[in-house]
N, C-alpha and C. Protein backbone atom coordinates (compact mmCIF):
# COMPACT_ATOMS: atom_id res chain seq x y z
N MET A 1 -37.62 43.62 39.33
CA MET A 1 -38.82 43.54 38.51
C MET A 1 -38.41 43.26 37.07
N SER A 2 -38.98 42.22 36.48
CA SER A 2 -38.67 41.92 35.09
C SER A 2 -39.49 42.82 34.18
N GLU A 3 -39.09 42.87 32.91
CA GLU A 3 -39.81 43.71 31.95
C GLU A 3 -41.27 43.30 31.84
N SER A 4 -41.55 41.99 32.01
CA SER A 4 -42.92 41.51 31.86
C SER A 4 -43.82 41.96 33.00
N THR A 5 -43.26 42.44 34.13
CA THR A 5 -44.10 42.90 35.22
C THR A 5 -44.45 44.38 35.08
N ASP A 6 -43.88 45.06 34.11
CA ASP A 6 -44.21 46.44 33.84
C ASP A 6 -45.68 46.52 33.44
N LEU A 7 -46.44 47.43 34.07
CA LEU A 7 -47.87 47.52 33.79
C LEU A 7 -48.15 47.79 32.32
N GLY A 8 -47.34 48.62 31.69
CA GLY A 8 -47.54 48.89 30.27
C GLY A 8 -47.40 47.64 29.41
N THR A 9 -46.41 46.81 29.74
CA THR A 9 -46.22 45.55 29.01
C THR A 9 -47.41 44.62 29.22
N ILE A 10 -47.87 44.53 30.45
CA ILE A 10 -49.01 43.67 30.76
C ILE A 10 -50.26 44.15 30.03
N LEU A 11 -50.51 45.46 30.06
CA LEU A 11 -51.70 45.99 29.38
C LEU A 11 -51.61 45.82 27.86
N THR A 12 -50.41 45.96 27.30
CA THR A 12 -50.23 45.71 25.87
C THR A 12 -50.54 44.25 25.55
N THR A 13 -50.08 43.36 26.40
CA THR A 13 -50.35 41.94 26.21
C THR A 13 -51.85 41.67 26.27
N LEU A 14 -52.54 42.29 27.22
CA LEU A 14 -53.97 42.06 27.39
C LEU A 14 -54.83 42.85 26.41
N ALA A 15 -54.23 43.73 25.63
CA ALA A 15 -54.99 44.57 24.70
C ALA A 15 -55.65 43.75 23.59
N ASP A 16 -55.08 42.62 23.25
CA ASP A 16 -55.64 41.79 22.18
C ASP A 16 -56.60 40.75 22.77
N GLN A 17 -57.80 40.69 22.23
CA GLN A 17 -58.83 39.79 22.73
C GLN A 17 -58.41 38.32 22.66
N SER A 18 -57.74 37.92 21.60
CA SER A 18 -57.31 36.52 21.48
C SER A 18 -56.31 36.16 22.57
N ARG A 19 -55.39 37.06 22.85
CA ARG A 19 -54.42 36.79 23.92
C ARG A 19 -55.11 36.77 25.28
N ARG A 20 -56.08 37.67 25.49
CA ARG A 20 -56.83 37.66 26.76
C ARG A 20 -57.55 36.33 26.94
N ARG A 21 -58.20 35.86 25.88
CA ARG A 21 -58.94 34.60 25.98
C ARG A 21 -58.01 33.43 26.29
N LEU A 22 -56.86 33.42 25.66
CA LEU A 22 -55.90 32.35 25.93
C LEU A 22 -55.45 32.38 27.38
N LEU A 23 -55.03 33.55 27.86
CA LEU A 23 -54.55 33.65 29.24
C LEU A 23 -55.66 33.38 30.24
N MET A 24 -56.88 33.84 29.95
CA MET A 24 -58.02 33.56 30.83
C MET A 24 -58.30 32.05 30.87
N SER A 25 -58.17 31.39 29.73
CA SER A 25 -58.45 29.96 29.70
C SER A 25 -57.44 29.19 30.54
N LEU A 26 -56.20 29.70 30.64
CA LEU A 26 -55.21 29.04 31.50
C LEU A 26 -55.57 29.18 32.98
N ILE A 27 -56.22 30.27 33.34
CA ILE A 27 -56.67 30.45 34.73
C ILE A 27 -57.85 29.53 35.02
N GLU A 28 -58.76 29.41 34.06
CA GLU A 28 -60.00 28.69 34.28
C GLU A 28 -59.88 27.18 34.03
N HIS A 29 -58.77 26.75 33.43
CA HIS A 29 -58.61 25.33 33.10
C HIS A 29 -58.36 24.47 34.33
N ASN A 30 -58.69 23.22 34.20
CA ASN A 30 -58.46 22.23 35.23
C ASN A 30 -56.97 22.20 35.59
N PRO A 31 -56.62 22.43 36.85
CA PRO A 31 -55.21 22.47 37.23
C PRO A 31 -54.46 21.15 36.99
N GLN A 32 -55.18 20.02 36.95
CA GLN A 32 -54.50 18.76 36.69
C GLN A 32 -54.04 18.70 35.24
N GLU A 33 -54.81 19.27 34.33
CA GLU A 33 -54.40 19.29 32.92
C GLU A 33 -53.41 20.40 32.68
N ASP A 34 -53.74 21.60 33.15
CA ASP A 34 -52.85 22.75 33.09
C ASP A 34 -52.36 23.05 31.69
N LYS A 35 -53.17 22.74 30.68
CA LYS A 35 -52.78 23.03 29.30
C LYS A 35 -54.01 23.43 28.50
N VAL A 36 -53.76 24.15 27.43
CA VAL A 36 -54.81 24.58 26.53
C VAL A 36 -54.35 24.22 25.12
N ASN A 37 -55.25 23.66 24.33
CA ASN A 37 -54.94 23.37 22.94
C ASN A 37 -55.28 24.60 22.10
N ILE A 38 -54.33 25.01 21.30
CA ILE A 38 -54.48 26.23 20.52
C ILE A 38 -54.77 25.89 19.08
N PRO A 39 -55.71 26.59 18.45
CA PRO A 39 -56.64 27.56 19.00
C PRO A 39 -57.98 26.96 19.36
N GLU A 40 -58.14 25.65 19.23
CA GLU A 40 -59.45 25.02 19.41
C GLU A 40 -60.10 25.33 20.76
N ASP A 41 -59.34 25.35 21.84
CA ASP A 41 -59.91 25.57 23.17
C ASP A 41 -60.39 26.99 23.41
N ILE A 42 -59.98 27.92 22.56
CA ILE A 42 -60.41 29.30 22.79
C ILE A 42 -61.15 29.91 21.61
N HIS A 43 -61.42 29.13 20.58
CA HIS A 43 -62.13 29.63 19.40
C HIS A 43 -63.55 29.98 19.78
N MET A 44 -63.96 31.19 19.45
CA MET A 44 -65.30 31.66 19.80
C MET A 44 -66.21 31.83 18.59
N GLY A 45 -65.70 31.57 17.39
CA GLY A 45 -66.54 31.62 16.21
C GLY A 45 -66.53 32.93 15.44
N GLU A 46 -65.89 33.99 15.97
CA GLU A 46 -65.88 35.25 15.23
C GLU A 46 -65.00 35.16 13.99
N LYS A 47 -63.92 34.43 14.09
CA LYS A 47 -62.98 34.29 12.97
C LYS A 47 -62.95 32.84 12.54
N GLU A 48 -62.59 32.65 11.29
CA GLU A 48 -62.37 31.29 10.82
C GLU A 48 -61.25 30.67 11.63
N LEU A 49 -61.38 29.40 11.97
CA LEU A 49 -60.40 28.71 12.78
C LEU A 49 -59.01 28.75 12.14
N GLU A 50 -58.94 28.60 10.83
CA GLU A 50 -57.65 28.61 10.14
C GLU A 50 -56.96 29.97 10.26
N ALA A 51 -57.72 31.05 10.12
CA ALA A 51 -57.14 32.40 10.24
C ALA A 51 -56.68 32.65 11.68
N LEU A 52 -57.47 32.21 12.64
CA LEU A 52 -57.10 32.37 14.04
C LEU A 52 -55.84 31.57 14.35
N GLN A 53 -55.75 30.37 13.82
CA GLN A 53 -54.57 29.53 14.04
C GLN A 53 -53.32 30.21 13.49
N SER A 54 -53.42 30.80 12.32
CA SER A 54 -52.29 31.49 11.72
C SER A 54 -51.86 32.68 12.60
N GLU A 55 -52.81 33.45 13.08
CA GLU A 55 -52.50 34.57 13.97
C GLU A 55 -51.79 34.09 15.24
N PHE A 56 -52.30 33.01 15.82
CA PHE A 56 -51.69 32.50 17.04
C PHE A 56 -50.25 32.06 16.81
N PHE A 57 -50.03 31.28 15.76
CA PHE A 57 -48.71 30.71 15.54
C PHE A 57 -47.68 31.75 15.11
N HIS A 58 -48.10 32.80 14.43
CA HIS A 58 -47.15 33.77 13.92
C HIS A 58 -47.05 35.04 14.77
N MET A 59 -48.05 35.29 15.64
CA MET A 59 -48.04 36.54 16.37
C MET A 59 -48.25 36.34 17.87
N HIS A 60 -49.40 35.82 18.26
CA HIS A 60 -49.78 35.80 19.67
C HIS A 60 -48.91 34.87 20.52
N LEU A 61 -48.73 33.63 20.09
CA LEU A 61 -47.95 32.68 20.89
C LEU A 61 -46.49 33.10 21.03
N PRO A 62 -45.84 33.56 19.95
CA PRO A 62 -44.46 34.03 20.14
C PRO A 62 -44.36 35.20 21.12
N LYS A 63 -45.32 36.12 21.07
CA LYS A 63 -45.30 37.27 21.99
C LYS A 63 -45.48 36.80 23.43
N LEU A 64 -46.48 35.97 23.68
CA LEU A 64 -46.74 35.50 25.04
C LEU A 64 -45.58 34.67 25.57
N GLU A 65 -44.97 33.89 24.69
CA GLU A 65 -43.83 33.08 25.11
C GLU A 65 -42.61 33.96 25.41
N SER A 66 -42.39 34.98 24.60
CA SER A 66 -41.24 35.85 24.84
C SER A 66 -41.39 36.65 26.13
N GLU A 67 -42.63 36.93 26.54
CA GLU A 67 -42.89 37.62 27.80
C GLU A 67 -42.80 36.66 28.99
N GLY A 68 -42.77 35.36 28.71
CA GLY A 68 -42.68 34.36 29.77
C GLY A 68 -44.02 33.98 30.38
N TYR A 69 -45.12 34.44 29.79
CA TYR A 69 -46.44 34.14 30.34
C TYR A 69 -46.88 32.71 30.02
N ILE A 70 -46.36 32.17 28.92
CA ILE A 70 -46.72 30.80 28.51
C ILE A 70 -45.46 30.05 28.11
N ARG A 71 -45.60 28.73 28.06
CA ARG A 71 -44.66 27.86 27.37
C ARG A 71 -45.47 27.18 26.29
N TRP A 72 -44.95 27.21 25.09
CA TRP A 72 -45.68 26.73 23.92
C TRP A 72 -45.05 25.45 23.43
N LYS A 73 -45.84 24.37 23.44
CA LYS A 73 -45.40 23.08 22.92
C LYS A 73 -45.84 23.00 21.46
N LYS A 74 -44.97 23.44 20.57
CA LYS A 74 -45.31 23.59 19.15
C LYS A 74 -45.75 22.28 18.51
N ASP A 75 -45.11 21.18 18.86
CA ASP A 75 -45.42 19.90 18.22
C ASP A 75 -46.82 19.41 18.56
N SER A 76 -47.32 19.71 19.75
CA SER A 76 -48.65 19.25 20.16
C SER A 76 -49.68 20.37 20.17
N HIS A 77 -49.28 21.59 19.82
CA HIS A 77 -50.17 22.76 19.82
C HIS A 77 -50.77 23.02 21.19
N GLU A 78 -49.99 22.77 22.23
CA GLU A 78 -50.46 22.99 23.60
C GLU A 78 -49.71 24.16 24.22
N VAL A 79 -50.41 24.82 25.12
CA VAL A 79 -49.84 25.94 25.85
C VAL A 79 -50.02 25.66 27.34
N VAL A 80 -48.98 25.93 28.10
CA VAL A 80 -49.04 25.82 29.55
C VAL A 80 -48.55 27.14 30.15
N LYS A 81 -48.81 27.33 31.41
CA LYS A 81 -48.37 28.55 32.09
C LYS A 81 -46.85 28.63 32.08
N GLY A 82 -46.36 29.83 31.81
CA GLY A 82 -44.92 30.07 31.78
C GLY A 82 -44.41 30.58 33.12
N PRO A 83 -43.10 30.81 33.21
CA PRO A 83 -42.49 31.21 34.47
C PRO A 83 -42.94 32.59 34.97
N GLU A 84 -43.43 33.45 34.09
CA GLU A 84 -43.89 34.78 34.48
C GLU A 84 -45.42 34.87 34.58
N PHE A 85 -46.11 33.75 34.48
CA PHE A 85 -47.58 33.77 34.48
C PHE A 85 -48.13 34.42 35.74
N ASP A 86 -47.52 34.17 36.87
CA ASP A 86 -48.03 34.73 38.12
C ASP A 86 -47.93 36.25 38.16
N GLU A 87 -47.12 36.84 37.29
CA GLU A 87 -47.03 38.30 37.22
C GLU A 87 -48.28 38.91 36.61
N ILE A 88 -48.93 38.17 35.74
CA ILE A 88 -50.12 38.67 35.06
C ILE A 88 -51.41 38.14 35.70
N ARG A 89 -51.27 37.13 36.54
CA ARG A 89 -52.41 36.48 37.18
C ARG A 89 -53.35 37.44 37.91
N PRO A 90 -52.86 38.41 38.71
CA PRO A 90 -53.80 39.29 39.43
C PRO A 90 -54.75 40.04 38.51
N LEU A 91 -54.27 40.54 37.38
CA LEU A 91 -55.17 41.22 36.45
C LEU A 91 -56.14 40.25 35.79
N LEU A 92 -55.66 39.06 35.46
CA LEU A 92 -56.55 38.06 34.86
C LEU A 92 -57.64 37.65 35.84
N GLU A 93 -57.29 37.49 37.10
CA GLU A 93 -58.29 37.12 38.11
C GLU A 93 -59.28 38.26 38.33
N LEU A 94 -58.81 39.50 38.30
CA LEU A 94 -59.70 40.65 38.43
C LEU A 94 -60.71 40.67 37.29
N ILE A 95 -60.23 40.45 36.08
CA ILE A 95 -61.12 40.40 34.91
C ILE A 95 -62.09 39.24 35.05
N SER A 96 -61.60 38.08 35.43
CA SER A 96 -62.44 36.89 35.58
C SER A 96 -63.53 37.10 36.63
N ASN A 97 -63.15 37.68 37.74
CA ASN A 97 -64.10 37.88 38.84
C ASN A 97 -65.18 38.92 38.53
N HIS A 98 -64.93 39.76 37.53
CA HIS A 98 -65.88 40.82 37.19
C HIS A 98 -66.36 40.75 35.74
N GLN A 99 -66.19 39.60 35.10
CA GLN A 99 -66.51 39.52 33.69
C GLN A 99 -67.99 39.78 33.38
N ASP A 100 -68.88 39.49 34.33
CA ASP A 100 -70.31 39.76 34.09
C ASP A 100 -70.61 41.25 34.12
N GLU A 101 -69.72 42.06 34.65
CA GLU A 101 -69.89 43.51 34.71
C GLU A 101 -69.24 44.22 33.54
N LEU A 102 -68.43 43.52 32.77
CA LEU A 102 -67.69 44.13 31.67
C LEU A 102 -68.52 44.15 30.39
N PRO A 103 -68.26 45.11 29.52
CA PRO A 103 -68.99 45.16 28.24
C PRO A 103 -68.73 43.91 27.40
N ASP A 104 -69.69 43.59 26.54
CA ASP A 104 -69.51 42.47 25.62
C ASP A 104 -68.28 42.71 24.77
N GLY A 105 -67.56 41.63 24.48
CA GLY A 105 -66.39 41.71 23.64
C GLY A 105 -65.09 41.96 24.38
N TRP A 106 -65.16 42.20 25.68
CA TRP A 106 -63.93 42.43 26.44
C TRP A 106 -63.20 41.13 26.70
N ILE A 107 -63.94 40.02 26.73
CA ILE A 107 -63.32 38.72 26.97
C ILE A 107 -63.63 37.81 25.80
């Protein structure tokens, strides 16, 4: 078992709404494209796009990449599923399948 499969690590990763939205968008995206443009594809309007972009580039993307959940193409601002993505997939699918039952702001 890798460190990224530890439940505590996974829950810490999912604790941030921006990271949840990014990982959820990778599940919901067209499998032929299999990429998400950051942060435009997950911007929900609560934060200014520039502030969100700064958070992603300096905090969220490095964390997700170090855990192996994503691969980050810095030059094109694209994110694809990483080698450990399937370790977090069951929780993401559980959240996705029950998102209408969850309180507002969880996703």
